[in-house]
């Protein structure tokens, strides 16, 4: 009886549990990659915003300034 139980347990783990664990590991890897990509893109956006905040607009009465285009 113990041998039958051991065989059934091994088959159950091999056929059902192991593939699910492998699939979960793959999904987790994809999630981490997406998180890293998102973090890199956000850092790029924050850097661009920081550079834009340092940019000084020319005065409104500057003769070389072109009007803003809205639309």
N, C-alpha and C. Protein backbone atom coordinates (compact mmCIF):
# COMPACT_ATOMS: atom_id res chain seq x y z
N UNK A 1 0.81 -1.20 0.00
CA UNK A 1 0.00 0.00 0.00
C UNK A 1 0.86 1.26 0.00
N UNK A 2 1.97 1.22 0.75
CA UNK A 2 2.85 2.39 0.81
C UNK A 2 3.49 2.66 -0.54
N UNK A 3 3.81 1.59 -1.27
CA UNK A 3 4.44 1.76 -2.58
C UNK A 3 3.47 2.42 -3.56
N UNK A 4 2.21 2.01 -3.52
CA UNK A 4 1.18 2.59 -4.40
C UNK A 4 1.00 4.07 -4.07
N UNK A 5 0.96 4.39 -2.79
CA UNK A 5 0.81 5.79 -2.37
C UNK A 5 2.00 6.62 -2.83
N UNK A 6 3.19 6.07 -2.74
CA UNK A 6 4.39 6.79 -3.18
C UNK A 6 4.37 7.03 -4.68
N UNK A 7 3.94 6.04 -5.45
CA UNK A 7 3.88 6.18 -6.91
C UNK A 7 2.84 7.22 -7.29
N UNK A 8 1.66 7.16 -6.68
CA UNK A 8 0.60 8.13 -6.98
C UNK A 8 1.05 9.54 -6.61
N UNK A 9 1.69 9.68 -5.47
CA UNK A 9 2.18 10.99 -5.05
C UNK A 9 3.23 11.52 -6.03
N UNK A 10 4.16 10.68 -6.45
CA UNK A 10 5.20 11.11 -7.39
C UNK A 10 4.60 11.51 -8.73
N UNK A 11 3.63 10.75 -9.21
CA UNK A 11 2.97 11.09 -10.48
C UNK A 11 2.19 12.39 -10.37
N UNK A 12 1.50 12.58 -9.26
CA UNK A 12 0.73 13.80 -9.07
C UNK A 12 1.65 15.01 -9.06
N UNK A 13 2.73 14.92 -8.33
CA UNK A 13 3.68 16.04 -8.27
C UNK A 13 4.32 16.27 -9.63
N UNK A 14 4.70 15.21 -10.31
CA UNK A 14 5.35 15.34 -11.61
C UNK A 14 4.44 15.87 -12.69
N UNK A 15 3.17 15.49 -12.65
CA UNK A 15 2.25 15.88 -13.72
C UNK A 15 1.52 17.19 -13.47
N UNK A 16 1.28 17.54 -12.22
CA UNK A 16 0.46 18.71 -11.94
C UNK A 16 1.21 19.84 -11.22
N UNK A 17 1.99 19.51 -10.25
CA UNK A 17 2.62 20.54 -9.43
C UNK A 17 3.83 21.16 -10.13
N UNK A 18 4.72 20.35 -10.65
CA UNK A 18 5.94 20.85 -11.27
C UNK A 18 5.67 21.79 -12.44
N UNK A 19 4.77 21.47 -13.38
CA UNK A 19 4.52 22.41 -14.48
C UNK A 19 3.95 23.75 -13.98
N UNK A 20 3.13 23.71 -12.94
CA UNK A 20 2.59 24.96 -12.41
C UNK A 20 3.67 25.81 -11.78
N UNK A 21 4.58 25.19 -11.09
CA UNK A 21 5.68 25.92 -10.46
C UNK A 21 6.56 26.56 -11.55
N UNK A 22 6.84 25.81 -12.62
CA UNK A 22 7.66 26.35 -13.71
C UNK A 22 6.94 27.53 -14.39
N UNK A 23 5.65 27.40 -14.61
CA UNK A 23 4.89 28.49 -15.22
C UNK A 23 4.90 29.72 -14.32
N UNK A 24 4.77 29.52 -13.03
CA UNK A 24 4.80 30.64 -12.10
C UNK A 24 6.15 31.34 -12.12
N UNK A 25 7.22 30.58 -12.22
CA UNK A 25 8.57 31.17 -12.29
C UNK A 25 8.72 32.01 -13.56
N UNK A 26 8.19 31.51 -14.69
CA UNK A 26 8.27 32.27 -15.94
C UNK A 26 7.49 33.56 -15.82
N UNK A 27 6.27 33.49 -15.28
CA UNK A 27 5.46 34.71 -15.12
C UNK A 27 6.13 35.70 -14.20
N UNK A 28 6.73 35.20 -13.14
CA UNK A 28 7.42 36.07 -12.20
C UNK A 28 8.60 36.76 -12.88
N UNK A 29 9.30 36.05 -13.74
CA UNK A 29 10.40 36.65 -14.50
C UNK A 29 9.90 37.74 -15.42
N UNK A 30 8.76 37.51 -16.06
CA UNK A 30 8.18 38.52 -16.94
C UNK A 30 7.74 39.74 -16.15
N UNK A 31 7.19 39.53 -14.98
CA UNK A 31 6.76 40.64 -14.13
C UNK A 31 7.97 41.47 -13.71
N UNK A 32 9.04 40.82 -13.33
CA UNK A 32 10.24 41.55 -12.92
C UNK A 32 10.83 42.34 -14.10
N UNK A 33 10.82 41.75 -15.28
CA UNK A 33 11.33 42.46 -16.46
C UNK A 33 10.46 43.67 -16.78
N UNK A 34 9.15 43.52 -16.67
CA UNK A 34 8.25 44.65 -16.92
C UNK A 34 8.46 45.74 -15.88
N UNK A 35 8.67 45.35 -14.63
CA UNK A 35 8.92 46.32 -13.57
C UNK A 35 10.21 47.09 -13.83
N UNK A 36 11.24 46.39 -14.26
CA UNK A 36 12.52 47.04 -14.54
C UNK A 36 12.41 48.00 -15.72
N UNK A 37 11.69 47.59 -16.76
CA UNK A 37 11.48 48.46 -17.91
C UNK A 37 10.69 49.70 -17.51
N UNK A 38 9.65 49.51 -16.72
CA UNK A 38 8.86 50.64 -16.25
C UNK A 38 9.72 51.60 -15.43
N UNK A 39 10.53 51.06 -14.54
CA UNK A 39 11.41 51.89 -13.72
C UNK A 39 12.39 52.69 -14.56
N UNK A 40 12.96 52.06 -15.57
CA UNK A 40 13.90 52.76 -16.45
C UNK A 40 13.20 53.88 -17.22
N UNK A 41 12.00 53.61 -17.71
CA UNK A 41 11.25 54.64 -18.44
C UNK A 41 10.85 55.79 -17.53
N UNK A 42 10.44 55.48 -16.31
CA UNK A 42 10.08 56.55 -15.37
C UNK A 42 11.28 57.41 -15.01
N UNK A 43 12.43 56.79 -14.85
CA UNK A 43 13.65 57.54 -14.57
C UNK A 43 13.98 58.48 -15.72
N UNK A 44 13.77 58.02 -16.94
CA UNK A 44 14.00 58.85 -18.12
C UNK A 44 13.04 60.04 -18.15
N UNK A 45 11.77 59.80 -17.82
CA UNK A 45 10.79 60.89 -17.79
C UNK A 45 11.13 61.90 -16.69
N UNK A 46 11.50 61.41 -15.52
CA UNK A 46 11.85 62.31 -14.42
C UNK A 46 13.08 63.14 -14.78
N UNK A 47 14.05 62.53 -15.43
CA UNK A 47 15.24 63.26 -15.85
C UNK A 47 14.89 64.35 -16.86
N UNK A 48 14.03 64.02 -17.81
CA UNK A 48 13.61 65.01 -18.81
C UNK A 48 12.86 66.16 -18.15
N UNK A 49 12.00 65.85 -17.19
CA UNK A 49 11.26 66.91 -16.48
C UNK A 49 12.22 67.79 -15.70
N UNK A 50 13.22 67.21 -15.10
CA UNK A 50 14.21 67.98 -14.35
C UNK A 50 14.95 68.93 -15.27
N UNK A 51 15.32 68.47 -16.44
CA UNK A 51 16.01 69.34 -17.41
C UNK A 51 15.08 70.44 -17.90
N UNK A 52 13.82 70.14 -18.10
CA UNK A 52 12.87 71.17 -18.55
C UNK A 52 12.65 72.23 -17.49
N UNK A 53 12.68 71.85 -16.22
CA UNK A 53 12.51 72.83 -15.16
C UNK A 53 13.67 73.80 -15.11
N UNK A 54 14.85 73.39 -15.52
CA UNK A 54 16.03 74.27 -15.52
C UNK A 54 16.03 75.23 -16.70
N UNK A 55 15.27 74.91 -17.75
CA UNK A 55 15.25 75.72 -18.96
C UNK A 55 14.54 77.03 -18.69
N UNK A 56 15.15 78.13 -19.07
CA UNK A 56 14.54 79.44 -18.87
C UNK A 56 13.99 79.94 -20.19
N UNK A 57 12.76 80.37 -20.15
CA UNK A 57 12.12 80.93 -21.34
C UNK A 57 12.62 82.36 -21.54
N UNK A 58 12.72 82.78 -22.79
CA UNK A 58 13.12 84.17 -23.03
C UNK A 58 11.99 85.11 -22.58
N UNK A 59 12.31 86.35 -22.27
CA UNK A 59 11.27 87.29 -21.85
C UNK A 59 10.24 87.51 -22.95
N UNK A 60 9.06 87.91 -22.55
CA UNK A 60 7.95 88.09 -23.50
C UNK A 60 8.25 89.18 -24.51
N UNK A 61 9.06 90.17 -24.13
CA UNK A 61 9.33 91.27 -25.06
C UNK A 61 10.59 91.04 -25.90
N UNK A 62 11.14 89.85 -25.88
CA UNK A 62 12.33 89.52 -26.67
C UNK A 62 11.94 89.53 -28.14
N UNK A 63 12.67 90.28 -28.98
CA UNK A 63 12.29 90.37 -30.41
C UNK A 63 12.48 89.05 -31.16
N UNK A 64 13.34 88.17 -30.70
CA UNK A 64 13.55 86.90 -31.38
C UNK A 64 12.58 85.81 -30.96
N UNK A 65 11.74 86.10 -30.00
CA UNK A 65 10.80 85.09 -29.49
C UNK A 65 9.62 84.96 -30.43
N UNK A 66 9.28 83.72 -30.72
CA UNK A 66 8.10 83.45 -31.56
C UNK A 66 6.92 83.17 -30.66
N UNK A 67 5.73 83.52 -31.10
CA UNK A 67 4.54 83.25 -30.26
C UNK A 67 4.27 81.75 -30.16
N UNK A 68 3.67 81.36 -29.07
CA UNK A 68 3.29 79.96 -28.89
C UNK A 68 2.14 79.62 -29.80
N UNK A 69 2.15 78.40 -30.30
CA UNK A 69 1.06 77.93 -31.14
C UNK A 69 0.16 77.05 -30.29
N UNK A 70 -1.08 77.41 -30.14
CA UNK A 70 -2.05 76.61 -29.39
C UNK A 70 -2.92 75.86 -30.36
N UNK A 71 -3.21 74.63 -30.03
CA UNK A 71 -4.13 73.93 -30.90
C UNK A 71 -3.85 72.53 -31.09
